[in-house]
């Protein structure tokens, strides 16, 4: 199955529709499958006196509150329509994370095909079930969560979907919600833990610096990779510092596709090129002297040498004691048709 790569534009557009479109272009050029934004109304998301997260303070300073920062990062309904159409034009999937029911309605009305639920909403049962009622596939991020909290969120979705004739696809993303996340905190082994616990496709939402963790996650079995992107890490805003610049996104997508190709189907067998090489580097039974027709072969009559075009070395004991049906010169590969039982 092809790895689904999401370029997370998030709020790295800084409220600019032009930057949004440039981020879409960057995602298309890199070969990502989807580009994702965030859809919210700041007044519905945070209180007027809510503190900023530490990383937000570090990246934006303290001159404004969290709600003031978020108000500048909202995208209007018309902007969403424009971006949805632009993604269709560019042949890339448009995604956005809704943070309230009104936003979920707007995205559904646009025709968005997959809903993404943020790590911060994993205990928000009313919103999770409202999104599930849209009867569309869901990608659920699980940062900051214990396994039991992930289990609860899945059960809330199932409460809605179990009433449906057709159950949409649910995927969950392992995630460490630090911006940036420390590489030693990534715990990629949790991907397999959740796969075994829930029997669902598991991916990875990466907030580390660089691309190594995302590539390693693919090798660990992640079917979805999400990574923040920016035009320039030096831009103002809360998430730019933990995001990939365009060239880095391209390098990540290329590396993921290479790892994806290298994963194969899991069947242990020689490749076509190995079959050709096998004849050269494996060994056969070879005569140590000239042997005449009718002579019985002794252990001392046999050496084991390349190439592997004759009788394999594993059959030496079987060949000893057999007769040659024809004479063979010294240092010659022995073949089954050269032999007959004594």
C-alpha atoms as a PDB file:
ATOM      1  CA  UNK A   1       0.000   0.000   0.000  1.00  0.00           C
ATOM      2  CA  UNK A   2       1.314   3.436  -0.921  1.00  0.00           C
ATOM      3  CA  UNK A   3       2.354   5.631   2.007  1.00  0.00           C
ATOM      4  CA  UNK A   4      -0.027   8.596   2.295  1.00  0.00           C
ATOM      5  CA  UNK A   5       2.126  11.706   2.790  1.00  0.00           C
ATOM      6  CA  UNK A   6       0.474  14.795   4.268  1.00  0.00           C
ATOM      7  CA  UNK A   7       2.255  18.131   4.005  1.00  0.00           C
ATOM      8  CA  UNK A   8       0.970  19.998   7.080  1.00  0.00           C
ATOM      9  CA  UNK A   9       0.671  23.656   6.115  1.00  0.00           C
ATOM     10  CA  UNK A  10      -1.271  24.208   9.337  1.00  0.00           C
ATOM     11  CA  UNK A  11      -1.157  27.895  10.238  1.00  0.00           C
ATOM     12  CA  UNK A  12       2.174  28.540   8.528  1.00  0.00           C
ATOM     13  CA  UNK A  13       0.341  30.709   6.010  1.00  0.00           C
ATOM     14  CA  UNK A  14       0.282  33.545   8.602  1.00  0.00           C
ATOM     15  CA  UNK A  15      -3.233  34.422   7.458  1.00  0.00           C
ATOM     16  CA  UNK A  16      -2.184  35.015   3.832  1.00  0.00           C
ATOM     17  CA  UNK A  17      -4.075  33.295   1.002  1.00  0.00           C
ATOM     18  CA  UNK A  18      -1.081  33.859  -1.261  1.00  0.00           C
ATOM     19  CA  UNK A  19       1.201  31.984   1.149  1.00  0.00           C
ATOM     20  CA  UNK A  20      -1.416  29.211   1.392  1.00  0.00           C
ATOM     21  CA  UNK A  21      -1.215  28.703  -2.364  1.00  0.00           C
ATOM     22  CA  UNK A  22       2.571  28.761  -2.314  1.00  0.00           C
ATOM     23  CA  UNK A  23       2.506  26.037   0.343  1.00  0.00           C
ATOM     24  CA  UNK A  24       0.177  24.015  -1.876  1.00  0.00           C
ATOM     25  CA  UNK A  25       2.580  24.475  -4.794  1.00  0.00           C
ATOM     26  CA  UNK A  26       5.489  23.351  -2.622  1.00  0.00           C
ATOM     27  CA  UNK A  27       3.548  20.232  -1.598  1.00  0.00           C
ATOM     28  CA  UNK A  28       2.681  19.382  -5.188  1.00  0.00           C
ATOM     29  CA  UNK A  29       6.264  19.852  -6.360  1.00  0.00           C
ATOM     30  CA  UNK A  30       7.557  17.602  -3.574  1.00  0.00           C
ATOM     31  CA  UNK A  31       5.108  14.831  -4.490  1.00  0.00           C
ATOM     32  CA  UNK A  32       2.999  14.860  -1.307  1.00  0.00           C
ATOM     33  CA  UNK A  33      -0.431  13.229  -1.515  1.00  0.00           C
ATOM     34  CA  UNK A  34      -2.245  15.880   0.521  1.00  0.00           C
ATOM     35  CA  UNK A  35      -1.773  19.340   1.966  1.00  0.00           C
ATOM     36  CA  UNK A  36      -3.486  20.119   5.241  1.00  0.00           C
ATOM     37  CA  UNK A  37      -4.608  23.337   6.926  1.00  0.00           C
ATOM     38  CA  UNK A  38      -6.436  24.100  10.183  1.00  0.00           C
ATOM     39  CA  UNK A  39      -9.999  25.407  10.370  1.00  0.00           C
ATOM     40  CA  UNK A  40     -11.119  27.211  13.510  1.00  0.00           C
ATOM     41  CA  UNK A  41     -12.728  30.251  15.020  1.00  0.00           C
ATOM     42  CA  UNK A  42     -10.370  31.603  17.656  1.00  0.00           C
ATOM     43  CA  UNK A  43     -13.275  32.780  19.848  1.00  0.00           C
ATOM     44  CA  UNK A  44     -14.655  29.210  19.919  1.00  0.00           C
ATOM     45  CA  UNK A  45     -11.267  27.619  20.525  1.00  0.00           C
ATOM     46  CA  UNK A  46      -9.704  29.463  23.483  1.00  0.00           C
ATOM     47  CA  UNK A  47     -10.707  31.763  26.289  1.00  0.00           C
ATOM     48  CA  UNK A  48      -9.586  35.379  26.234  1.00  0.00           C
ATOM     49  CA  UNK A  49      -7.062  34.760  29.008  1.00  0.00           C
ATOM     50  CA  UNK A  50      -5.719  31.362  27.813  1.00  0.00           C
ATOM     51  CA  UNK A  51      -1.933  31.115  28.031  1.00  0.00           C
ATOM     52  CA  UNK A  52       0.216  30.377  25.048  1.00  0.00           C
ATOM     53  CA  UNK A  53       2.139  27.104  24.939  1.00  0.00           C
ATOM     54  CA  UNK A  54       5.824  27.412  25.766  1.00  0.00           C
ATOM     55  CA  UNK A  55       6.849  26.833  22.139  1.00  0.00           C
ATOM     56  CA  UNK A  56       4.395  29.521  21.007  1.00  0.00           C
ATOM     57  CA  UNK A  57       5.941  32.012  23.422  1.00  0.00           C
ATOM     58  CA  UNK A  58       9.426  31.059  22.265  1.00  0.00           C
ATOM     59  CA  UNK A  59       8.494  31.450  18.610  1.00  0.00           C
ATOM     60  CA  UNK A  60       6.219  34.519  18.771  1.00  0.00           C
ATOM     61  CA  UNK A  61       7.038  36.304  22.016  1.00  0.00           C
ATOM     62  CA  UNK A  62       4.615  37.565  24.665  1.00  0.00           C
ATOM     63  CA  UNK A  63       3.339  40.701  22.980  1.00  0.00           C
ATOM     64  CA  UNK A  64      -0.025  39.080  22.227  1.00  0.00           C
ATOM     65  CA  UNK A  65      -2.311  36.531  23.890  1.00  0.00           C
ATOM     66  CA  UNK A  66      -3.073  33.112  22.411  1.00  0.00           C
ATOM     67  CA  UNK A  67      -6.482  34.253  21.178  1.00  0.00           C
ATOM     68  CA  UNK A  68      -4.976  37.329  19.520  1.00  0.00           C
ATOM     69  CA  UNK A  69      -2.373  35.151  17.816  1.00  0.00           C
ATOM     70  CA  UNK A  70      -5.003  32.690  16.584  1.00  0.00           C
ATOM     71  CA  UNK A  71      -7.317  35.409  15.274  1.00  0.00           C
ATOM     72  CA  UNK A  72      -4.569  36.415  12.862  1.00  0.00           C
ATOM     73  CA  UNK A  73      -4.291  32.829  11.628  1.00  0.00           C
ATOM     74  CA  UNK A  74      -7.948  32.158  10.823  1.00  0.00           C
ATOM     75  CA  UNK A  75      -8.950  31.416   7.234  1.00  0.00           C
ATOM     76  CA  UNK A  76     -12.345  32.643   6.038  1.00  0.00           C
ATOM     77  CA  UNK A  77     -14.952  30.381   4.402  1.00  0.00           C
ATOM     78  CA  UNK A  78     -14.214  32.030   1.053  1.00  0.00           C
ATOM     79  CA  UNK A  79     -10.512  31.353   1.514  1.00  0.00           C
ATOM     80  CA  UNK A  80     -11.307  27.689   2.152  1.00  0.00           C
ATOM     81  CA  UNK A  81     -13.376  27.507  -1.044  1.00  0.00           C
ATOM     82  CA  UNK A  82     -10.538  29.086  -2.990  1.00  0.00           C
ATOM     83  CA  UNK A  83      -7.949  26.700  -1.522  1.00  0.00           C
ATOM     84  CA  UNK A  84     -10.132  23.636  -2.048  1.00  0.00           C
ATOM     85  CA  UNK A  85     -10.571  24.566  -5.728  1.00  0.00           C
ATOM     86  CA  UNK A  86      -6.859  25.320  -6.071  1.00  0.00           C
ATOM     87  CA  UNK A  87      -5.953  21.883  -4.681  1.00  0.00           C
ATOM     88  CA  UNK A  88      -8.296  20.236  -7.159  1.00  0.00           C
ATOM     89  CA  UNK A  89      -6.687  22.209  -9.956  1.00  0.00           C
ATOM     90  CA  UNK A  90      -3.244  21.078  -8.782  1.00  0.00           C
ATOM     91  CA  UNK A  91      -4.398  17.444  -8.303  1.00  0.00           C
ATOM     92  CA  UNK A  92      -3.546  17.222  -4.599  1.00  0.00           C
ATOM     93  CA  UNK A  93      -5.917  16.266  -1.780  1.00  0.00           C
ATOM     94  CA  UNK A  94      -7.137  19.155   0.372  1.00  0.00           C
ATOM     95  CA  UNK A  95      -7.340  18.413   4.089  1.00  0.00           C
ATOM     96  CA  UNK A  96      -8.021  20.568   7.108  1.00  0.00           C
ATOM     97  CA  UNK A  97      -8.462  19.917  10.814  1.00  0.00           C
ATOM     98  CA  UNK A  98     -11.750  21.324  12.177  1.00  0.00           C
ATOM     99  CA  UNK A  99     -11.757  22.547  15.770  1.00  0.00           C
ATOM    100  CA  UNK A 100     -15.502  23.104  16.110  1.00  0.00           C
ATOM    101  CA  UNK A 101     -18.751  21.791  14.676  1.00  0.00           C
ATOM    102  CA  UNK A 102     -19.330  24.796  12.407  1.00  0.00           C
ATOM    103  CA  UNK A 103     -15.890  24.289  10.879  1.00  0.00           C
ATOM    104  CA  UNK A 104     -16.609  20.596  10.376  1.00  0.00           C
ATOM    105  CA  UNK A 105     -19.843  21.480   8.586  1.00  0.00           C
ATOM    106  CA  UNK A 106     -18.083  23.926   6.292  1.00  0.00           C
ATOM    107  CA  UNK A 107     -15.376  21.407   5.368  1.00  0.00           C
ATOM    108  CA  UNK A 108     -17.967  18.713   4.754  1.00  0.00           C
ATOM    109  CA  UNK A 109     -19.979  21.059   2.539  1.00  0.00           C
ATOM    110  CA  UNK A 110     -16.811  21.824   0.561  1.00  0.00           C
ATOM    111  CA  UNK A 111     -16.535  18.142  -0.245  1.00  0.00           C
ATOM    112  CA  UNK A 112     -13.459  17.357   1.826  1.00  0.00           C
ATOM    113  CA  UNK A 113     -13.017  13.589   1.610  1.00  0.00           C
ATOM    114  CA  UNK A 114     -11.056  12.815   4.814  1.00  0.00           C
ATOM    115  CA  UNK A 115     -11.344  14.421   8.250  1.00  0.00           C
ATOM    116  CA  UNK A 116      -8.289  14.933  10.440  1.00  0.00           C
ATOM    117  CA  UNK A 117      -8.705  15.175  14.217  1.00  0.00           C
ATOM    118  CA  UNK A 118      -5.990  16.959  16.165  1.00  0.00           C
ATOM    119  CA  UNK A 119      -4.144  15.414  19.116  1.00  0.00           C
ATOM    120  CA  UNK A 120      -5.524  18.144  21.343  1.00  0.00           C
ATOM    121  CA  UNK A 121      -9.092  16.997  20.632  1.00  0.00           C
ATOM    122  CA  UNK A 122      -8.625  13.320  21.525  1.00  0.00           C
ATOM    123  CA  UNK A 123     -10.685  13.701  24.716  1.00  0.00           C
ATOM    124  CA  UNK A 124     -13.294  15.929  23.018  1.00  0.00           C
ATOM    125  CA  UNK A 125     -16.015  13.289  22.663  1.00  0.00           C
ATOM    126  CA  UNK A 126     -18.722  15.666  21.352  1.00  0.00           C
ATOM    127  CA  UNK A 127     -16.508  16.959  18.509  1.00  0.00           C
ATOM    128  CA  UNK A 128     -15.121  13.509  17.680  1.00  0.00           C
ATOM    129  CA  UNK A 129     -18.601  12.048  17.396  1.00  0.00           C
ATOM    130  CA  UNK A 130     -19.857  15.023  15.415  1.00  0.00           C
ATOM    131  CA  UNK A 131     -17.059  14.517  12.899  1.00  0.00           C
ATOM    132  CA  UNK A 132     -17.746  10.769  12.830  1.00  0.00           C
ATOM    133  CA  UNK A 133     -21.375  11.542  11.963  1.00  0.00           C
ATOM    134  CA  UNK A 134     -20.120  12.950   8.644  1.00  0.00           C
ATOM    135  CA  UNK A 135     -19.577   9.293   7.608  1.00  0.00           C
ATOM    136  CA  UNK A 136     -16.195  10.005   6.063  1.00  0.00           C
ATOM    137  CA  UNK A 137     -12.736   8.515   6.723  1.00  0.00           C
ATOM    138  CA  UNK A 138     -10.939   9.909   9.763  1.00  0.00           C
ATOM    139  CA  UNK A 139      -7.265  10.310  10.610  1.00  0.00           C
ATOM    140  CA  UNK A 140      -6.863  10.638  14.375  1.00  0.00           C
ATOM    141  CA  UNK A 141      -3.681  12.055  15.904  1.00  0.00           C
ATOM    142  CA  UNK A 142      -2.744  10.704  19.335  1.00  0.00           C
ATOM    143  CA  UNK A 143      -0.133  13.065  20.767  1.00  0.00           C
ATOM    144  CA  UNK A 144      -0.114  13.581  24.564  1.00  0.00           C
ATOM    145  CA  UNK A 145      -2.188  10.404  24.991  1.00  0.00           C
ATOM    146  CA  UNK A 146      -2.149   7.191  26.962  1.00  0.00           C
ATOM    147  CA  UNK A 147      -3.235   4.047  25.122  1.00  0.00           C
ATOM    148  CA  UNK A 148      -6.525   4.012  27.040  1.00  0.00           C
ATOM    149  CA  UNK A 149      -7.327   7.540  25.817  1.00  0.00           C
ATOM    150  CA  UNK A 150      -6.751   6.414  22.232  1.00  0.00           C
ATOM    151  CA  UNK A 151      -8.999   3.422  22.910  1.00  0.00           C
ATOM    152  CA  UNK A 152     -11.723   5.728  24.235  1.00  0.00           C
ATOM    153  CA  UNK A 153     -11.590   7.962  21.174  1.00  0.00           C
ATOM    154  CA  UNK A 154     -11.822   4.953  18.860  1.00  0.00           C
ATOM    155  CA  UNK A 155     -14.810   3.632  20.816  1.00  0.00           C
ATOM    156  CA  UNK A 156     -16.601   6.988  20.466  1.00  0.00           C
ATOM    157  CA  UNK A 157     -16.130   6.848  16.698  1.00  0.00           C
ATOM    158  CA  UNK A 158     -17.324   3.240  16.649  1.00  0.00           C
ATOM    159  CA  UNK A 159     -20.479   4.219  18.552  1.00  0.00           C
ATOM    160  CA  UNK A 160     -21.440   6.310  15.518  1.00  0.00           C
ATOM    161  CA  UNK A 161     -20.038   4.126  12.767  1.00  0.00           C
ATOM    162  CA  UNK A 162     -21.394   0.811  14.046  1.00  0.00           C
ATOM    163  CA  UNK A 163     -24.856   1.999  13.036  1.00  0.00           C
ATOM    164  CA  UNK A 164     -23.732   2.486   9.426  1.00  0.00           C
ATOM    165  CA  UNK A 165     -24.126  -0.057   6.652  1.00  0.00           C
ATOM    166  CA  UNK A 166     -20.657   0.888   5.402  1.00  0.00           C
ATOM    167  CA  UNK A 167     -17.932   1.728   7.926  1.00  0.00           C
ATOM    168  CA  UNK A 168     -15.406   4.357   6.763  1.00  0.00           C
ATOM    169  CA  UNK A 169     -11.664   3.929   7.261  1.00  0.00           C
ATOM    170  CA  UNK A 170     -10.156   5.052  10.557  1.00  0.00           C
ATOM    171  CA  UNK A 171      -6.390   5.605  10.766  1.00  0.00           C
ATOM    172  CA  UNK A 172      -4.493   6.683  13.857  1.00  0.00           C
ATOM    173  CA  UNK A 173      -1.247   8.637  13.986  1.00  0.00           C
ATOM    174  CA  UNK A 174       1.411   8.204  16.617  1.00  0.00           C
ATOM    175  CA  UNK A 175       2.576  11.674  17.568  1.00  0.00           C
ATOM    176  CA  UNK A 176       4.721  13.504  20.113  1.00  0.00           C
ATOM    177  CA  UNK A 177       3.232  16.960  20.587  1.00  0.00           C
ATOM    178  CA  UNK A 178       6.323  19.042  21.159  1.00  0.00           C
ATOM    179  CA  UNK A 179       7.402  21.700  18.655  1.00  0.00           C
ATOM    180  CA  UNK A 180      10.019  20.562  17.932  1.00  0.00           C
ATOM    181  CA  UNK A 181       9.940  17.098  19.483  1.00  0.00           C
ATOM    182  CA  UNK A 182      13.222  15.689  20.770  1.00  0.00           C
ATOM    183  CA  UNK A 183      14.413  12.680  18.804  1.00  0.00           C
ATOM    184  CA  UNK A 184      14.864  10.686  22.024  1.00  0.00           C
ATOM    185  CA  UNK A 185      11.163  11.218  22.836  1.00  0.00           C
ATOM    186  CA  UNK A 186       9.807   9.936  19.529  1.00  0.00           C
ATOM    187  CA  UNK A 187       9.197   6.304  20.644  1.00  0.00           C
ATOM    188  CA  UNK A 188       8.494   4.906  17.181  1.00  0.00           C
ATOM    189  CA  UNK A 189       7.915   1.474  18.702  1.00  0.00           C
ATOM    190  CA  UNK A 190       4.486   2.787  19.737  1.00  0.00           C
ATOM    191  CA  UNK A 191       3.451   2.411  16.087  1.00  0.00           C
ATOM    192  CA  UNK A 192       3.550  -1.384  16.406  1.00  0.00           C
ATOM    193  CA  UNK A 193       1.996  -1.200  19.876  1.00  0.00           C
ATOM    194  CA  UNK A 194      -1.077   0.583  18.518  1.00  0.00           C
ATOM    195  CA  UNK A 195      -1.264  -1.674  15.479  1.00  0.00           C
ATOM    196  CA  UNK A 196      -1.445  -4.711  17.737  1.00  0.00           C
ATOM    197  CA  UNK A 197      -3.810  -3.049  20.214  1.00  0.00           C
ATOM    198  CA  UNK A 198      -6.383  -1.771  17.750  1.00  0.00           C
ATOM    199  CA  UNK A 199      -5.899  -3.620  14.456  1.00  0.00           C
ATOM    200  CA  UNK A 200      -6.066  -0.319  12.595  1.00  0.00           C
ATOM    201  CA  UNK A 201      -3.709   1.389  10.130  1.00  0.00           C
ATOM    202  CA  UNK A 202      -1.198   3.442  12.119  1.00  0.00           C
ATOM    203  CA  UNK A 203       0.870   6.349  10.835  1.00  0.00           C
ATOM    204  CA  UNK A 204       3.130   8.983  12.293  1.00  0.00           C
ATOM    205  CA  UNK A 205       2.785  12.749  12.675  1.00  0.00           C
ATOM    206  CA  UNK A 206       6.333  14.043  12.988  1.00  0.00           C
ATOM    207  CA  UNK A 207       7.364  17.190  14.858  1.00  0.00           C
ATOM    208  CA  UNK A 208      11.095  16.522  15.084  1.00  0.00           C
ATOM    209  CA  UNK A 209      13.685  18.600  13.300  1.00  0.00           C
ATOM    210  CA  UNK A 210      14.835  16.892  10.116  1.00  0.00           C
ATOM    211  CA  UNK A 211      13.415  13.934   8.258  1.00  0.00           C
ATOM    212  CA  UNK A 212      15.060  10.895   9.862  1.00  0.00           C
ATOM    213  CA  UNK A 213      12.206  10.039  12.234  1.00  0.00           C
ATOM    214  CA  UNK A 214       9.593  10.148   9.463  1.00  0.00           C
ATOM    215  CA  UNK A 215      11.690   7.858   7.262  1.00  0.00           C
ATOM    216  CA  UNK A 216      12.273   5.457  10.149  1.00  0.00           C
ATOM    217  CA  UNK A 217       8.532   5.428  10.873  1.00  0.00           C
ATOM    218  CA  UNK A 218       7.867   4.167   7.357  1.00  0.00           C
ATOM    219  CA  UNK A 219      10.333   1.336   7.954  1.00  0.00           C
ATOM    220  CA  UNK A 220       8.434   0.581  11.201  1.00  0.00           C
ATOM    221  CA  UNK A 221       5.223   0.187   9.219  1.00  0.00           C
ATOM    222  CA  UNK A 222       3.627   3.652   9.239  1.00  0.00           C
ATOM    223  CA  UNK A 223       1.078   3.960   6.444  1.00  0.00           C
ATOM    224  CA  UNK A 224       0.556   7.722   6.824  1.00  0.00           C
ATOM    225  CA  UNK A 225       3.220  10.374   7.366  1.00  0.00           C
ATOM    226  CA  UNK A 226       2.366  13.942   8.329  1.00  0.00           C
ATOM    227  CA  UNK A 227       5.003  16.672   8.512  1.00  0.00           C
ATOM    228  CA  UNK A 228       4.778  20.438   9.003  1.00  0.00           C
ATOM    229  CA  UNK A 229       6.013  22.580   6.123  1.00  0.00           C
ATOM    230  CA  UNK A 230       6.940  26.229   5.738  1.00  0.00           C
ATOM    231  CA  UNK A 231       8.294  28.494   3.048  1.00  0.00           C
ATOM    232  CA  UNK A 232      10.985  29.706   5.447  1.00  0.00           C
ATOM    233  CA  UNK A 233      11.720  28.711   9.048  1.00  0.00           C
ATOM    234  CA  UNK A 234      12.646  32.325   9.817  1.00  0.00           C
ATOM    235  CA  UNK A 235       9.094  33.558   9.155  1.00  0.00           C
ATOM    236  CA  UNK A 236       7.105  34.850  12.115  1.00  0.00           C
ATOM    237  CA  UNK A 237       4.579  32.453  13.598  1.00  0.00           C
ATOM    238  CA  UNK A 238       4.268  29.632  16.149  1.00  0.00           C
ATOM    239  CA  UNK A 239       4.993  26.580  13.978  1.00  0.00           C
ATOM    240  CA  UNK A 240       7.622  27.618  11.429  1.00  0.00           C
ATOM    241  CA  UNK A 241      10.629  26.583  13.535  1.00  0.00           C
ATOM    242  CA  UNK A 242       9.502  22.931  13.677  1.00  0.00           C
ATOM    243  CA  UNK A 243       8.669  22.711   9.968  1.00  0.00           C
ATOM    244  CA  UNK A 244      10.431  21.575   6.801  1.00  0.00           C
ATOM    245  CA  UNK A 245      11.446  24.043   4.129  1.00  0.00           C
ATOM    246  CA  UNK A 246      10.604  23.144   0.483  1.00  0.00           C
ATOM    247  CA  UNK A 247      13.876  21.386  -0.371  1.00  0.00           C
ATOM    248  CA  UNK A 248      13.676  19.344   2.820  1.00  0.00           C
ATOM    249  CA  UNK A 249      10.109  18.291   2.056  1.00  0.00           C
ATOM    250  CA  UNK A 250      11.222  17.093  -1.367  1.00  0.00           C
ATOM    251  CA  UNK A 251      14.078  15.120   0.216  1.00  0.00           C
ATOM    252  CA  UNK A 252      11.685  13.534   2.728  1.00  0.00           C
ATOM    253  CA  UNK A 253       9.152  12.488   0.091  1.00  0.00           C
ATOM    254  CA  UNK A 254      11.904  11.021  -2.101  1.00  0.00           C
ATOM    255  CA  UNK A 255      13.378   9.110   0.839  1.00  0.00           C
ATOM    256  CA  UNK A 256       9.959   7.787   1.901  1.00  0.00           C
ATOM    257  CA  UNK A 257       9.202   6.579  -1.618  1.00  0.00           C
ATOM    258  CA  UNK A 258      12.590   4.840  -1.715  1.00  0.00           C
ATOM    259  CA  UNK A 259      11.989   3.149   1.655  1.00  0.00           C
ATOM    260  CA  UNK A 260       8.471   2.246   0.550  1.00  0.00           C
ATOM    261  CA  UNK A 261       9.898   0.584  -2.553  1.00  0.00           C
ATOM    262  CA  UNK A 262      12.555  -1.184  -0.479  1.00  0.00           C
ATOM    263  CA  UNK A 263       9.944  -2.684   1.882  1.00  0.00           C
ATOM    264  CA  UNK A 264       8.743  -5.138  -0.782  1.00  0.00           C
ATOM    265  CA  UNK A 265       6.144  -7.847  -0.191  1.00  0.00           C
ATOM    266  CA  UNK A 266       7.922  -9.716   2.605  1.00  0.00           C
ATOM    267  CA  UNK A 267       8.430 -12.948   0.645  1.00  0.00           C
ATOM    268  CA  UNK A 268      12.016 -14.177   1.015  1.00  0.00           C
ATOM    269  CA  UNK A 269      13.218 -15.145  -2.435  1.00  0.00           C
ATOM    270  CA  UNK A 270      16.074 -14.271  -4.815  1.00  0.00           C
ATOM    271  CA  UNK A 271      15.571 -11.380  -7.202  1.00  0.00           C
ATOM    272  CA  UNK A 272      16.082 -11.866 -10.929  1.00  0.00           C
ATOM    273  CA  UNK A 273      19.517 -10.260 -10.745  1.00  0.00           C
ATOM    274  CA  UNK A 274      20.449 -12.508  -7.804  1.00  0.00           C
ATOM    275  CA  UNK A 275      19.487 -15.595  -9.798  1.00  0.00           C
ATOM    276  CA  UNK A 276      22.025 -14.570 -12.419  1.00  0.00           C
ATOM    277  CA  UNK A 277      24.689 -13.906  -9.763  1.00  0.00           C
ATOM    278  CA  UNK A 278      23.905 -17.134  -7.940  1.00  0.00           C
ATOM    279  CA  UNK A 279      25.318 -19.183 -10.821  1.00  0.00           C
ATOM    280  CA  UNK A 280      28.619 -17.335 -10.481  1.00  0.00           C
ATOM    281  CA  UNK A 281      29.176 -17.098  -6.703  1.00  0.00           C
ATOM    282  CA  UNK A 282      27.710 -20.377  -5.481  1.00  0.00           C
ATOM    283  CA  UNK A 283      29.789 -23.553  -5.724  1.00  0.00           C
ATOM    284  CA  UNK A 284      29.476 -26.912  -7.418  1.00  0.00           C
ATOM    285  CA  UNK A 285      31.127 -30.309  -7.129  1.00  0.00           C
ATOM    286  CA  UNK A 286      34.254 -30.308  -9.320  1.00  0.00           C
ATOM    287  CA  UNK A 287      36.646 -33.115 -10.290  1.00  0.00           C
ATOM    288  CA  UNK A 288      40.047 -33.079  -8.573  1.00  0.00           C
ATOM    289  CA  UNK A 289      41.505 -35.388 -11.260  1.00  0.00           C
ATOM    290  CA  UNK A 290      40.626 -36.882 -14.603  1.00  0.00           C
ATOM    291  CA  UNK A 291      38.016 -39.578 -14.018  1.00  0.00           C
ATOM    292  CA  UNK A 292      37.262 -42.226 -16.624  1.00  0.00           C
ATOM    293  CA  UNK A 293      33.828 -43.530 -17.534  1.00  0.00           C
ATOM    294  CA  UNK A 294      32.689 -46.293 -15.188  1.00  0.00           C
ATOM    295  CA  UNK A 295      34.945 -45.253 -12.271  1.00  0.00           C
ATOM    296  CA  UNK A 296      33.361 -44.969  -8.849  1.00  0.00           C
ATOM    297  CA  UNK A 297      33.757 -41.520  -7.337  1.00  0.00           C
ATOM    298  CA  UNK A 298      35.591 -41.286  -4.009  1.00  0.00           C
ATOM    299  CA  UNK A 299      35.628 -38.347  -1.575  1.00  0.00           C
ATOM    300  CA  UNK A 300      39.118 -37.379  -2.763  1.00  0.00           C
ATOM    301  CA  UNK A 301      37.901 -37.123  -6.348  1.00  0.00           C
ATOM    302  CA  UNK A 302      35.755 -34.092  -5.502  1.00  0.00           C
ATOM    303  CA  UNK A 303      36.551 -30.431  -4.827  1.00  0.00           C
ATOM    304  CA  UNK A 304      34.014 -27.672  -4.189  1.00  0.00           C
ATOM    305  CA  UNK A 305      34.493 -24.634  -6.423  1.00  0.00           C
ATOM    306  CA  UNK A 306      32.703 -21.932  -8.302  1.00  0.00           C
ATOM    307  CA  UNK A 307      30.639 -21.632 -10.515  1.00  0.00           C
ATOM    308  CA  UNK A 308      27.309 -22.886  -9.238  1.00  0.00           C
ATOM    309  CA  UNK A 309      26.219 -24.395 -12.536  1.00  0.00           C
ATOM    310  CA  UNK A 310      26.696 -28.020 -11.506  1.00  0.00           C
ATOM    311  CA  UNK A 311      25.706 -30.270  -8.623  1.00  0.00           C
ATOM    312  CA  UNK A 312      25.471 -28.176  -5.399  1.00  0.00           C
ATOM    313  CA  UNK A 313      27.935 -28.877  -2.591  1.00  0.00           C
ATOM    314  CA  UNK A 314      25.138 -30.122  -0.313  1.00  0.00           C
ATOM    315  CA  UNK A 315      24.917 -33.319  -2.417  1.00  0.00           C
ATOM    316  CA  UNK A 316      28.573 -34.370  -2.072  1.00  0.00           C
ATOM    317  CA  UNK A 317      27.750 -37.354   0.157  1.00  0.00           C
ATOM    318  CA  UNK A 318      25.159 -38.564  -2.357  1.00  0.00           C
ATOM    319  CA  UNK A 319      27.574 -38.321  -5.287  1.00  0.00           C
ATOM    320  CA  UNK A 320      30.357 -40.236  -3.526  1.00  0.00           C
ATOM    321  CA  UNK A 321      30.002 -43.903  -4.503  1.00  0.00           C
ATOM    322  CA  UNK A 322      28.271 -43.199  -7.809  1.00  0.00           C
ATOM    323  CA  UNK A 323      29.788 -44.045 -11.198  1.00  0.00           C
ATOM    324  CA  UNK A 324      30.624 -41.681 -13.988  1.00  0.00           C
ATOM    325  CA  UNK A 325      28.636 -42.390 -17.109  1.00  0.00           C
ATOM    326  CA  UNK A 326      31.291 -40.648 -19.188  1.00  0.00           C
ATOM    327  CA  UNK A 327      34.849 -39.546 -18.695  1.00  0.00           C
ATOM    328  CA  UNK A 328      35.479 -36.077 -17.227  1.00  0.00           C
ATOM    329  CA  UNK A 329      38.727 -34.129 -17.244  1.00  0.00           C
ATOM    330  CA  UNK A 330      40.310 -32.549 -14.173  1.00  0.00           C
ATOM    331  CA  UNK A 331      38.761 -29.313 -12.730  1.00  0.00           C
ATOM    332  CA  UNK A 332      35.412 -29.883 -14.433  1.00  0.00           C
ATOM    333  CA  UNK A 333      31.996 -29.131 -12.951  1.00  0.00           C
ATOM    334  CA  UNK A 334      30.076 -32.367 -12.355  1.00  0.00           C
ATOM    335  CA  UNK A 335      26.447 -32.508 -13.497  1.00  0.00           C
ATOM    336  CA  UNK A 336      23.762 -35.035 -12.650  1.00  0.00           C
ATOM    337  CA  UNK A 337      23.660 -36.293 -16.227  1.00  0.00           C
ATOM    338  CA  UNK A 338      27.324 -37.318 -15.865  1.00  0.00           C
ATOM    339  CA  UNK A 339      26.451 -39.886 -13.180  1.00  0.00           C
ATOM    340  CA  UNK A 340      24.790 -43.245 -12.736  1.00  0.00           C
ATOM    341  CA  UNK A 341      24.324 -45.502  -9.722  1.00  0.00           C
ATOM    342  CA  UNK A 342      27.073 -48.026  -9.054  1.00  0.00           C
END
